[in-house]
Amino acid sequence: MAGILYLCATPIGNLEDITYRVVRILGEVDLIAAEDTRVSLKLLKHYGITKPLISYHEHNKASKGELLVRKLLEGQNVALISDAGTPGISDPGEELVRLCYAEGITVTSLPGASACITALTLSGLSTRRFVYEGFLPMEKKERELVLTRLPQEERTTVFYEAPHRMVKTLRLIYDVVGNRAVTICRELTKLYETAWVTSLEEAIAVYEVQAPKGECVIVLSGVDPEMLRQEKIQKWEEQSLESHLEFYIEQGFDKKEAMKLVAKDRGVSRREVYQGLL
């Protein structure tokens, strides 16, 4: 009978931020797969856990993933942990999960600390709807794809970033969205934890003088939906009613339906569109 893969959330800073269940499972499994065994060893020593460790990270995920699946198929139970937070978020854990499902291996996730959720709740920004982007992609085309979506994004967006890249990343965001509200969280759950409610412009000015210390989470406010609506109306108003109507007729709408769509685009009644066309 195959073993079970346990995705175990570990502290993002304060070592007390771990569940009783995770501590128990780490002490019971046959093998622990860790992103960086040196980092994980400190946590395991703190809780008196002595289990075999194997590294599993972005650069060895292919070979080690196959090895871990073999161990699981042999009946061993394996715990997967990252350097901090929940495995599978901004690390190759998701790929190991897919490999396990392909082999019929049971996978379960043990919830716990997450820098994304911790920063979001500290931000003071809207938490009802949000987007997690993690680290901006290193590849230019992918990065531009993420950035070009931001001007229209109404939801709060969460980014991770290393301190030495903060100014560059904040500038990239500023260049596409302008001076939007932002909360920058550093050293989450640690002694010098800070949640700085500021703006992109102010953050860039401060960090240009002195770079921040510690890992950072950028929580960016979404665009105001009403502002987006007004921008769309303004864009359509720059066109004549005739060309606006023709735009929809060319797409196959009859005149009545096209007039309804024109009225909706411009934020007016269909009667006003009709009278304008007359």
C-alpha atoms as a PDB file:
ATOM      1  CA  MET A   1       0.000   0.000   0.000  1.00  0.00           C
ATOM      2  CA  ALA A   2       1.346   3.423  -0.975  1.00  0.00           C
ATOM      3  CA  GLY A   3       2.252   6.000   1.606  1.00  0.00           C
ATOM      4  CA  ILE A   4       0.812   9.500   2.009  1.00  0.00           C
ATOM      5  CA  LEU A   5       2.341  12.809   0.984  1.00  0.00           C
ATOM      6  CA  TYR A   6       1.783  15.456   3.663  1.00  0.00           C
ATOM      7  CA  LEU A   7       2.118  19.122   2.651  1.00  0.00           C
ATOM      8  CA  CYS A   8       3.156  20.710   5.953  1.00  0.00           C
ATOM      9  CA  ALA A   9       2.985  24.472   6.482  1.00  0.00           C
ATOM     10  CA  THR A  10       5.930  25.772   8.522  1.00  0.00           C
ATOM     11  CA  PRO A  11       6.518  29.144  10.263  1.00  0.00           C
ATOM     12  CA  ILE A  12       7.289  32.207   8.126  1.00  0.00           C
ATOM     13  CA  GLY A  13       9.324  33.732  10.946  1.00  0.00           C
ATOM     14  CA  ASN A  14       8.208  33.090  14.515  1.00  0.00           C
ATOM     15  CA  LEU A  15       8.865  29.421  15.292  1.00  0.00           C
ATOM     16  CA  GLU A  16       5.701  29.243  17.418  1.00  0.00           C
ATOM     17  CA  ASP A  17       3.538  29.644  14.302  1.00  0.00           C
ATOM     18  CA  ILE A  18       3.165  25.938  13.621  1.00  0.00           C
ATOM     19  CA  THR A  19       0.233  23.652  14.357  1.00  0.00           C
ATOM     20  CA  TYR A  20       0.279  20.735  16.780  1.00  0.00           C
ATOM     21  CA  ARG A  21      -0.732  18.522  13.873  1.00  0.00           C
ATOM     22  CA  VAL A  22       2.257  19.533  11.729  1.00  0.00           C
ATOM     23  CA  VAL A  23       4.676  18.887  14.609  1.00  0.00           C
ATOM     24  CA  ARG A  24       3.101  15.460  15.167  1.00  0.00           C
ATOM     25  CA  ILE A  25       3.181  14.475  11.493  1.00  0.00           C
ATOM     26  CA  LEU A  26       6.803  15.621  11.069  1.00  0.00           C
ATOM     27  CA  GLY A  27       7.680  13.329  13.961  1.00  0.00           C
ATOM     28  CA  GLU A  28       5.753  10.371  12.506  1.00  0.00           C
ATOM     29  CA  VAL A  29       6.642  10.333   8.781  1.00  0.00           C
ATOM     30  CA  ASP A  30       9.430   8.195   7.359  1.00  0.00           C
ATOM     31  CA  LEU A  31      11.028  10.987   5.345  1.00  0.00           C
ATOM     32  CA  ILE A  32      10.955  14.800   5.176  1.00  0.00           C
ATOM     33  CA  ALA A  33      11.517  16.547   1.835  1.00  0.00           C
ATOM     34  CA  ALA A  34      12.735  20.110   2.384  1.00  0.00           C
ATOM     35  CA  GLU A  35      13.430  23.073   0.119  1.00  0.00           C
ATOM     36  CA  ASP A  36      16.681  23.809   1.996  1.00  0.00           C
ATOM     37  CA  THR A  37      17.702  21.126   4.477  1.00  0.00           C
ATOM     38  CA  ARG A  38      19.917  23.587   6.411  1.00  0.00           C
ATOM     39  CA  VAL A  39      17.004  25.942   7.032  1.00  0.00           C
ATOM     40  CA  SER A  40      14.609  23.119   7.899  1.00  0.00           C
ATOM     41  CA  LEU A  41      17.111  21.517  10.285  1.00  0.00           C
ATOM     42  CA  LYS A  42      16.846  24.550  12.602  1.00  0.00           C
ATOM     43  CA  LEU A  43      13.076  24.120  12.842  1.00  0.00           C
ATOM     44  CA  LEU A  44      13.272  20.365  13.369  1.00  0.00           C
ATOM     45  CA  LYS A  45      15.915  20.736  16.089  1.00  0.00           C
ATOM     46  CA  HIS A  46      13.736  23.326  17.828  1.00  0.00           C
ATOM     47  CA  TYR A  47      10.947  20.747  18.120  1.00  0.00           C
ATOM     48  CA  GLY A  48      13.236  17.773  18.799  1.00  0.00           C
ATOM     49  CA  ILE A  49      12.377  16.033  15.523  1.00  0.00           C
ATOM     50  CA  THR A  50      14.980  13.687  14.062  1.00  0.00           C
ATOM     51  CA  LYS A  51      13.930  12.259  10.726  1.00  0.00           C
ATOM     52  CA  PRO A  52      15.801  11.584   7.467  1.00  0.00           C
ATOM     53  CA  LEU A  53      15.924  14.736   5.303  1.00  0.00           C
ATOM     54  CA  ILE A  54      16.101  14.982   1.533  1.00  0.00           C
ATOM     55  CA  SER A  55      16.356  18.193  -0.502  1.00  0.00           C
ATOM     56  CA  TYR A  56      13.603  18.954  -2.985  1.00  0.00           C
ATOM     57  CA  HIS A  57      13.750  22.312  -4.764  1.00  0.00           C
ATOM     58  CA  GLU A  58      13.470  24.044  -8.146  1.00  0.00           C
ATOM     59  CA  HIS A  59      16.851  22.792  -9.409  1.00  0.00           C
ATOM     60  CA  ASN A  60      16.488  19.090  -8.562  1.00  0.00           C
ATOM     61  CA  LYS A  61      12.701  18.645  -8.738  1.00  0.00           C
ATOM     62  CA  ALA A  62      12.812  16.227 -11.690  1.00  0.00           C
ATOM     63  CA  SER A  63      15.184  13.636 -10.194  1.00  0.00           C
ATOM     64  CA  LYS A  64      14.098  14.069  -6.570  1.00  0.00           C
ATOM     65  CA  GLY A  65      10.433  14.082  -7.537  1.00  0.00           C
ATOM     66  CA  GLU A  66      10.802  10.633  -9.088  1.00  0.00           C
ATOM     67  CA  LEU A  67      12.710   9.418  -6.030  1.00  0.00           C
ATOM     68  CA  LEU A  68      10.024  10.681  -3.639  1.00  0.00           C
ATOM     69  CA  VAL A  69       7.271   9.032  -5.680  1.00  0.00           C
ATOM     70  CA  ARG A  70       9.173   5.719  -5.559  1.00  0.00           C
ATOM     71  CA  LYS A  71       9.506   6.023  -1.769  1.00  0.00           C
ATOM     72  CA  LEU A  72       5.776   6.731  -1.482  1.00  0.00           C
ATOM     73  CA  LEU A  73       4.887   3.786  -3.728  1.00  0.00           C
ATOM     74  CA  GLU A  74       7.038   1.577  -1.460  1.00  0.00           C
ATOM     75  CA  GLY A  75       4.749   2.556   1.418  1.00  0.00           C
ATOM     76  CA  GLN A  76       6.772   5.333   3.059  1.00  0.00           C
ATOM     77  CA  ASN A  77       4.981   8.432   4.335  1.00  0.00           C
ATOM     78  CA  VAL A  78       6.629  11.690   3.236  1.00  0.00           C
ATOM     79  CA  ALA A  79       6.264  15.248   4.559  1.00  0.00           C
ATOM     80  CA  LEU A  80       7.016  18.114   2.199  1.00  0.00           C
ATOM     81  CA  ILE A  81       8.082  21.434   3.750  1.00  0.00           C
ATOM     82  CA  SER A  82       9.386  24.691   2.301  1.00  0.00           C
ATOM     83  CA  ASP A  83      11.778  27.187   3.871  1.00  0.00           C
ATOM     84  CA  ALA A  84       8.782  29.127   5.185  1.00  0.00           C
ATOM     85  CA  GLY A  85       5.023  28.951   4.798  1.00  0.00           C
ATOM     86  CA  THR A  86       2.878  26.519   2.867  1.00  0.00           C
ATOM     87  CA  PRO A  87       4.587  24.213   0.343  1.00  0.00           C
ATOM     88  CA  GLY A  88       3.283  24.472  -3.194  1.00  0.00           C
ATOM     89  CA  ILE A  89       3.174  28.287  -3.040  1.00  0.00           C
ATOM     90  CA  SER A  90       6.140  29.826  -4.925  1.00  0.00           C
ATOM     91  CA  ASP A  91       8.015  26.504  -4.891  1.00  0.00           C
ATOM     92  CA  PRO A  92       7.847  23.271  -6.964  1.00  0.00           C
ATOM     93  CA  GLY A  93       5.549  21.490  -4.503  1.00  0.00           C
ATOM     94  CA  GLU A  94       2.659  21.651  -6.959  1.00  0.00           C
ATOM     95  CA  GLU A  95       4.614  19.479  -9.414  1.00  0.00           C
ATOM     96  CA  LEU A  96       5.214  16.779  -6.799  1.00  0.00           C
ATOM     97  CA  VAL A  97       1.485  16.799  -6.028  1.00  0.00           C
ATOM     98  CA  ARG A  98       0.698  16.204  -9.723  1.00  0.00           C
ATOM     99  CA  LEU A  99       3.198  13.324  -9.864  1.00  0.00           C
ATOM    100  CA  CYS A 100       1.550  11.731  -6.836  1.00  0.00           C
ATOM    101  CA  TYR A 101      -1.957  12.032  -8.246  1.00  0.00           C
ATOM    102  CA  ALA A 102      -0.764  10.464 -11.507  1.00  0.00           C
ATOM    103  CA  GLU A 103       0.385   7.419  -9.490  1.00  0.00           C
ATOM    104  CA  GLY A 104      -2.730   7.243  -7.316  1.00  0.00           C
ATOM    105  CA  ILE A 105      -0.868   8.396  -4.190  1.00  0.00           C
ATOM    106  CA  THR A 106      -2.892  10.118  -1.460  1.00  0.00           C
ATOM    107  CA  VAL A 107      -1.962  13.759  -0.808  1.00  0.00           C
ATOM    108  CA  THR A 108      -3.171  15.864   2.103  1.00  0.00           C
ATOM    109  CA  SER A 109      -2.397  19.460   3.088  1.00  0.00           C
ATOM    110  CA  LEU A 110      -1.834  20.559   6.676  1.00  0.00           C
ATOM    111  CA  PRO A 111      -2.722  24.277   6.790  1.00  0.00           C
ATOM    112  CA  GLY A 112      -0.742  26.923   8.610  1.00  0.00           C
ATOM    113  CA  ALA A 113       1.323  30.042   8.080  1.00  0.00           C
ATOM    114  CA  SER A 114       1.234  31.940   4.784  1.00  0.00           C
ATOM    115  CA  ALA A 115       3.038  35.220   4.111  1.00  0.00           C
ATOM    116  CA  CYS A 116       0.429  36.153   1.501  1.00  0.00           C
ATOM    117  CA  ILE A 117      -2.559  35.904   3.854  1.00  0.00           C
ATOM    118  CA  THR A 118      -0.659  37.420   6.791  1.00  0.00           C
ATOM    119  CA  ALA A 119       0.328  40.480   4.741  1.00  0.00           C
ATOM    120  CA  LEU A 120      -3.127  40.809   3.187  1.00  0.00           C
ATOM    121  CA  THR A 121      -4.849  40.918   6.569  1.00  0.00           C
ATOM    122  CA  LEU A 122      -2.293  43.461   7.856  1.00  0.00           C
ATOM    123  CA  SER A 123      -2.554  45.702   4.798  1.00  0.00           C
ATOM    124  CA  GLY A 124      -5.731  47.596   5.584  1.00  0.00           C
ATOM    125  CA  LEU A 125      -6.700  47.125   1.922  1.00  0.00           C
ATOM    126  CA  SER A 126      -9.682  45.194   0.585  1.00  0.00           C
ATOM    127  CA  THR A 127      -9.513  41.475   1.398  1.00  0.00           C
ATOM    128  CA  ARG A 128     -12.821  40.444  -0.208  1.00  0.00           C
ATOM    129  CA  ARG A 129     -11.197  39.700  -3.576  1.00  0.00           C
ATOM    130  CA  PHE A 130      -7.473  39.443  -4.161  1.00  0.00           C
ATOM    131  CA  VAL A 131      -4.851  38.129  -6.581  1.00  0.00           C
ATOM    132  CA  TYR A 132      -1.644  36.380  -5.540  1.00  0.00           C
ATOM    133  CA  GLU A 133       1.201  36.984  -8.010  1.00  0.00           C
ATOM    134  CA  GLY A 134       4.180  35.963  -5.862  1.00  0.00           C
ATOM    135  CA  PHE A 135       7.527  37.012  -7.325  1.00  0.00           C
ATOM    136  CA  LEU A 136       7.386  38.788 -10.677  1.00  0.00           C
ATOM    137  CA  PRO A 137       8.626  36.432 -13.421  1.00  0.00           C
ATOM    138  CA  MET A 138      12.293  36.801 -14.352  1.00  0.00           C
ATOM    139  CA  GLU A 139      11.507  36.267 -18.035  1.00  0.00           C
ATOM    140  CA  LYS A 140      10.715  39.643 -19.625  1.00  0.00           C
ATOM    141  CA  LYS A 141       7.674  38.600 -21.693  1.00  0.00           C
ATOM    142  CA  GLU A 142       6.031  36.824 -18.762  1.00  0.00           C
ATOM    143  CA  ARG A 143       6.751  39.784 -16.487  1.00  0.00           C
ATOM    144  CA  GLU A 144       5.239  42.240 -18.978  1.00  0.00           C
ATOM    145  CA  LEU A 145       2.139  40.059 -19.251  1.00  0.00           C
ATOM    146  CA  VAL A 146       1.610  40.267 -15.471  1.00  0.00           C
ATOM    147  CA  LEU A 147       2.249  44.018 -15.387  1.00  0.00           C
ATOM    148  CA  THR A 148      -0.035  44.883 -18.320  1.00  0.00           C
ATOM    149  CA  ARG A 149      -3.002  43.390 -16.459  1.00  0.00           C
ATOM    150  CA  LEU A 150      -2.557  45.611 -13.394  1.00  0.00           C
ATOM    151  CA  PRO A 151      -4.092  48.870 -14.710  1.00  0.00           C
ATOM    152  CA  GLN A 152      -7.459  47.082 -15.134  1.00  0.00           C
ATOM    153  CA  GLU A 153      -7.191  44.920 -11.988  1.00  0.00           C
ATOM    154  CA  GLU A 154      -9.907  45.828  -9.462  1.00  0.00           C
ATOM    155  CA  ARG A 155      -8.762  43.256  -6.891  1.00  0.00           C
ATOM    156  CA  THR A 156      -5.987  43.707  -4.330  1.00  0.00           C
ATOM    157  CA  THR A 157      -2.744  42.182  -5.653  1.00  0.00           C
ATOM    158  CA  VAL A 158      -0.040  40.537  -3.525  1.00  0.00           C
ATOM    159  CA  PHE A 159       3.608  40.320  -4.614  1.00  0.00           C
ATOM    160  CA  TYR A 160       6.700  38.854  -2.919  1.00  0.00           C
ATOM    161  CA  GLU A 161      10.068  40.521  -3.349  1.00  0.00           C
ATOM    162  CA  ALA A 162      13.637  40.400  -2.051  1.00  0.00           C
ATOM    163  CA  PRO A 163      14.863  43.649  -0.432  1.00  0.00           C
ATOM    164  CA  HIS A 164      17.589  44.370  -3.013  1.00  0.00           C
ATOM    165  CA  ARG A 165      15.018  44.276  -5.855  1.00  0.00           C
ATOM    166  CA  MET A 166      12.315  46.354  -4.185  1.00  0.00           C
ATOM    167  CA  VAL A 167      13.020  49.677  -5.911  1.00  0.00           C
ATOM    168  CA  LYS A 168      13.150  48.078  -9.355  1.00  0.00           C
ATOM    169  CA  THR A 169       9.901  46.167  -8.794  1.00  0.00           C
ATOM    170  CA  LEU A 170       8.048  49.147  -7.329  1.00  0.00           C
ATOM    171  CA  ARG A 171       9.128  51.273 -10.298  1.00  0.00           C
ATOM    172  CA  LEU A 172       7.889  48.631 -12.754  1.00  0.00           C
ATOM    173  CA  ILE A 173       4.505  48.610 -11.031  1.00  0.00           C
ATOM    174  CA  TYR A 174       4.391  52.428 -10.787  1.00  0.00           C
ATOM    175  CA  ASP A 175       5.106  52.778 -14.508  1.00  0.00           C
ATOM    176  CA  VAL A 176       1.927  50.860 -15.401  1.00  0.00           C
ATOM    177  CA  VAL A 177      -0.545  51.841 -12.634  1.00  0.00           C
ATOM    178  CA  GLY A 178       0.626  55.276 -11.471  1.00  0.00           C
ATOM    179  CA  ASN A 179       0.709  56.335  -7.829  1.00  0.00           C
ATOM    180  CA  ARG A 180      -1.577  53.754  -6.243  1.00  0.00           C
ATOM    181  CA  ALA A 181      -1.999  52.953  -2.525  1.00  0.00           C
ATOM    182  CA  VAL A 182       0.227  50.132  -1.254  1.00  0.00           C
ATOM    183  CA  THR A 183       1.108  48.421   2.007  1.00  0.00           C
ATOM    184  CA  ILE A 184       4.605  46.980   2.329  1.00  0.00           C
ATOM    185  CA  CYS A 185       5.051  44.267   4.939  1.00  0.00           C
ATOM    186  CA  ARG A 186       8.514  43.210   6.127  1.00  0.00           C
ATOM    187  CA  GLU A 187       9.870  40.641   8.560  1.00  0.00           C
ATOM    188  CA  LEU A 188       6.412  39.146   9.057  1.00  0.00           C
ATOM    189  CA  THR A 189       5.846  37.517  12.487  1.00  0.00           C
ATOM    190  CA  LYS A 190       9.426  38.422  13.521  1.00  0.00           C
ATOM    191  CA  LEU A 191      10.652  40.895  16.155  1.00  0.00           C
ATOM    192  CA  TYR A 192      10.911  43.836  13.734  1.00  0.00           C
ATOM    193  CA  GLU A 193       7.725  43.180  11.775  1.00  0.00           C
ATOM    194  CA  THR A 194       6.394  46.261   9.972  1.00  0.00           C
ATOM    195  CA  ALA A 195       3.330  47.002   7.860  1.00  0.00           C
ATOM    196  CA  TRP A 196       3.882  50.352   6.124  1.00  0.00           C
ATOM    197  CA  VAL A 197       0.731  51.904   4.687  1.00  0.00           C
ATOM    198  CA  THR A 198       1.991  54.225   1.967  1.00  0.00           C
ATOM    199  CA  SER A 199       1.924  54.936  -1.775  1.00  0.00           C
ATOM    200  CA  LEU A 200       4.101  53.622  -4.584  1.00  0.00           C
ATOM    201  CA  GLU A 201       5.633  57.074  -5.081  1.00  0.00           C
ATOM    202  CA  GLU A 202       6.578  57.483  -1.430  1.00  0.00           C
ATOM    203  CA  ALA A 203       7.910  53.932  -1.107  1.00  0.00           C
ATOM    204  CA  ILE A 204      10.184  54.368  -4.133  1.00  0.00           C
ATOM    205  CA  ALA A 205      11.507  57.693  -2.788  1.00  0.00           C
ATOM    206  CA  VAL A 206      12.325  56.184   0.614  1.00  0.00           C
ATOM    207  CA  TYR A 207      13.866  52.956  -0.651  1.00  0.00           C
ATOM    208  CA  GLU A 208      16.018  54.789  -3.201  1.00  0.00           C
ATOM    209  CA  VAL A 209      17.778  56.388  -0.237  1.00  0.00           C
ATOM    210  CA  GLN A 210      17.925  53.235   1.885  1.00  0.00           C
ATOM    211  CA  ALA A 211      16.976  49.745   0.766  1.00  0.00           C
ATOM    212  CA  PRO A 212      14.632  47.818   3.081  1.00  0.00           C
ATOM    213  CA  LYS A 213      15.836  44.903   5.177  1.00  0.00           C
ATOM    214  CA  GLY A 214      14.239  41.472   5.250  1.00  0.00           C
ATOM    215  CA  GLU A 215      11.889  39.706   2.869  1.00  0.00           C
ATOM    216  CA  CYS A 216       9.050  41.944   1.654  1.00  0.00           C
ATOM    217  CA  VAL A 217       5.426  41.490   0.690  1.00  0.00           C
ATOM    218  CA  ILE A 218       3.877  44.202  -1.490  1.00  0.00           C
ATOM    219  CA  VAL A 219       0.100  44.535  -1.160  1.00  0.00           C
ATOM    220  CA  LEU A 220      -1.196  46.734  -3.975  1.00  0.00           C
ATOM    221  CA  SER A 221      -4.677  48.271  -3.976  1.00  0.00           C
ATOM    222  CA  GLY A 222      -6.934  47.554  -6.924  1.00  0.00           C
ATOM    223  CA  VAL A 223      -8.146  50.197  -9.328  1.00  0.00           C
ATOM    224  CA  ASP A 224     -11.382  51.988  -8.413  1.00  0.00           C
ATOM    225  CA  PRO A 225     -14.203  50.322 -10.459  1.00  0.00           C
ATOM    226  CA  GLU A 226     -15.997  53.639 -10.883  1.00  0.00           C
ATOM    227  CA  MET A 227     -12.847  55.224 -12.290  1.00  0.00           C
ATOM    228  CA  LEU A 228     -12.571  52.350 -14.773  1.00  0.00           C
ATOM    229  CA  ARG A 229     -16.191  52.822 -15.765  1.00  0.00           C
ATOM    230  CA  GLN A 230     -15.707  56.536 -16.335  1.00  0.00           C
ATOM    231  CA  GLU A 231     -12.572  55.901 -18.415  1.00  0.00           C
ATOM    232  CA  LYS A 232     -14.510  53.480 -20.638  1.00  0.00           C
ATOM    233  CA  ILE A 233     -17.362  55.970 -21.041  1.00  0.00           C
ATOM    234  CA  GLN A 234     -14.897  58.708 -21.929  1.00  0.00           C
ATOM    235  CA  LYS A 235     -13.242  56.460 -24.491  1.00  0.00           C
ATOM    236  CA  TRP A 236     -16.561  55.764 -26.218  1.00  0.00           C
ATOM    237  CA  GLU A 237     -17.601  59.428 -26.048  1.00  0.00           C
ATOM    238  CA  GLU A 238     -14.588  60.277 -28.182  1.00  0.00           C
ATOM    239  CA  GLN A 239     -16.297  58.319 -30.964  1.00  0.00           C
ATOM    240  CA  SER A 240     -19.377  59.500 -32.800  1.00  0.00           C
ATOM    241  CA  LEU A 241     -22.683  57.770 -32.025  1.00  0.00           C
ATOM    242  CA  GLU A 242     -22.872  56.635 -35.645  1.00  0.00           C
ATOM    243  CA  SER A 243     -19.480  54.879 -35.630  1.00  0.00           C
ATOM    244  CA  HIS A 244     -20.205  53.409 -32.179  1.00  0.00           C
ATOM    245  CA  LEU A 245     -23.488  51.944 -33.450  1.00  0.00           C
ATOM    246  CA  GLU A 246     -21.798  50.681 -36.619  1.00  0.00           C
ATOM    247  CA  PHE A 247     -19.175  48.918 -34.479  1.00  0.00           C
ATOM    248  CA  TYR A 248     -21.841  46.591 -33.033  1.00  0.00           C
ATOM    249  CA  ILE A 249     -23.837  46.202 -36.246  1.00  0.00           C
ATOM    250  CA  GLU A 250     -20.672  44.954 -37.963  1.00  0.00           C
ATOM    251  CA  GLN A 251     -20.419  42.282 -35.247  1.00  0.00           C
ATOM    252  CA  GLY A 252     -23.845  40.932 -36.232  1.00  0.00           C
ATOM    253  CA  PHE A 253     -26.156  42.705 -33.768  1.00  0.00           C
ATOM    254  CA  ASP A 254     -29.418  44.114 -35.109  1.00  0.00           C
ATOM    255  CA  LYS A 255     -29.985  47.862 -34.756  1.00  0.00           C
ATOM    256  CA  LYS A 256     -32.126  47.545 -31.618  1.00  0.00           C
ATOM    257  CA  GLU A 257     -29.574  45.424 -29.749  1.00  0.00           C
ATOM    258  CA  ALA A 258     -26.711  47.593 -30.996  1.00  0.00           C
ATOM    259  CA  MET A 259     -28.416  50.698 -29.575  1.00  0.00           C
ATOM    260  CA  LYS A 260     -28.805  48.966 -26.198  1.00  0.00           C
ATOM    261  CA  LEU A 261     -25.075  48.200 -26.149  1.00  0.00           C
ATOM    262  CA  VAL A 262     -24.164  51.750 -27.162  1.00  0.00           C
ATOM    263  CA  ALA A 263     -26.339  53.130 -24.355  1.00  0.00           C
ATOM    264  CA  LYS A 264     -24.701  50.784 -21.837  1.00  0.00           C
ATOM    265  CA  ASP A 265     -21.188  51.735 -22.977  1.00  0.00           C
ATOM    266  CA  ARG A 266     -21.956  55.444 -22.620  1.00  0.00           C
ATOM    267  CA  GLY A 267     -23.894  55.219 -19.375  1.00  0.00           C
ATOM    268  CA  VAL A 268     -27.026  56.763 -20.890  1.00  0.00           C
ATOM    269  CA  SER A 269     -30.534  55.615 -21.790  1.00  0.00           C
ATOM    270  CA  ARG A 270     -31.422  54.082 -25.143  1.00  0.00           C
ATOM    271  CA  ARG A 271     -33.786  57.034 -25.732  1.00  0.00           C
ATOM    272  CA  GLU A 272     -30.824  59.436 -25.481  1.00  0.00           C
ATOM    273  CA  VAL A 273     -28.907  57.365 -28.045  1.00  0.00           C
ATOM    274  CA  TYR A 274     -31.921  57.333 -30.365  1.00  0.00           C
ATOM    275  CA  GLN A 275     -32.389  61.097 -30.087  1.00  0.00           C
ATOM    276  CA  GLY A 276     -28.668  61.677 -30.625  1.00  0.00           C
ATOM    277  CA  LEU A 277     -28.711  59.606 -33.801  1.00  0.00           C
ATOM    278  CA  LEU A 278     -31.715  61.540 -35.088  1.00  0.00           C
END
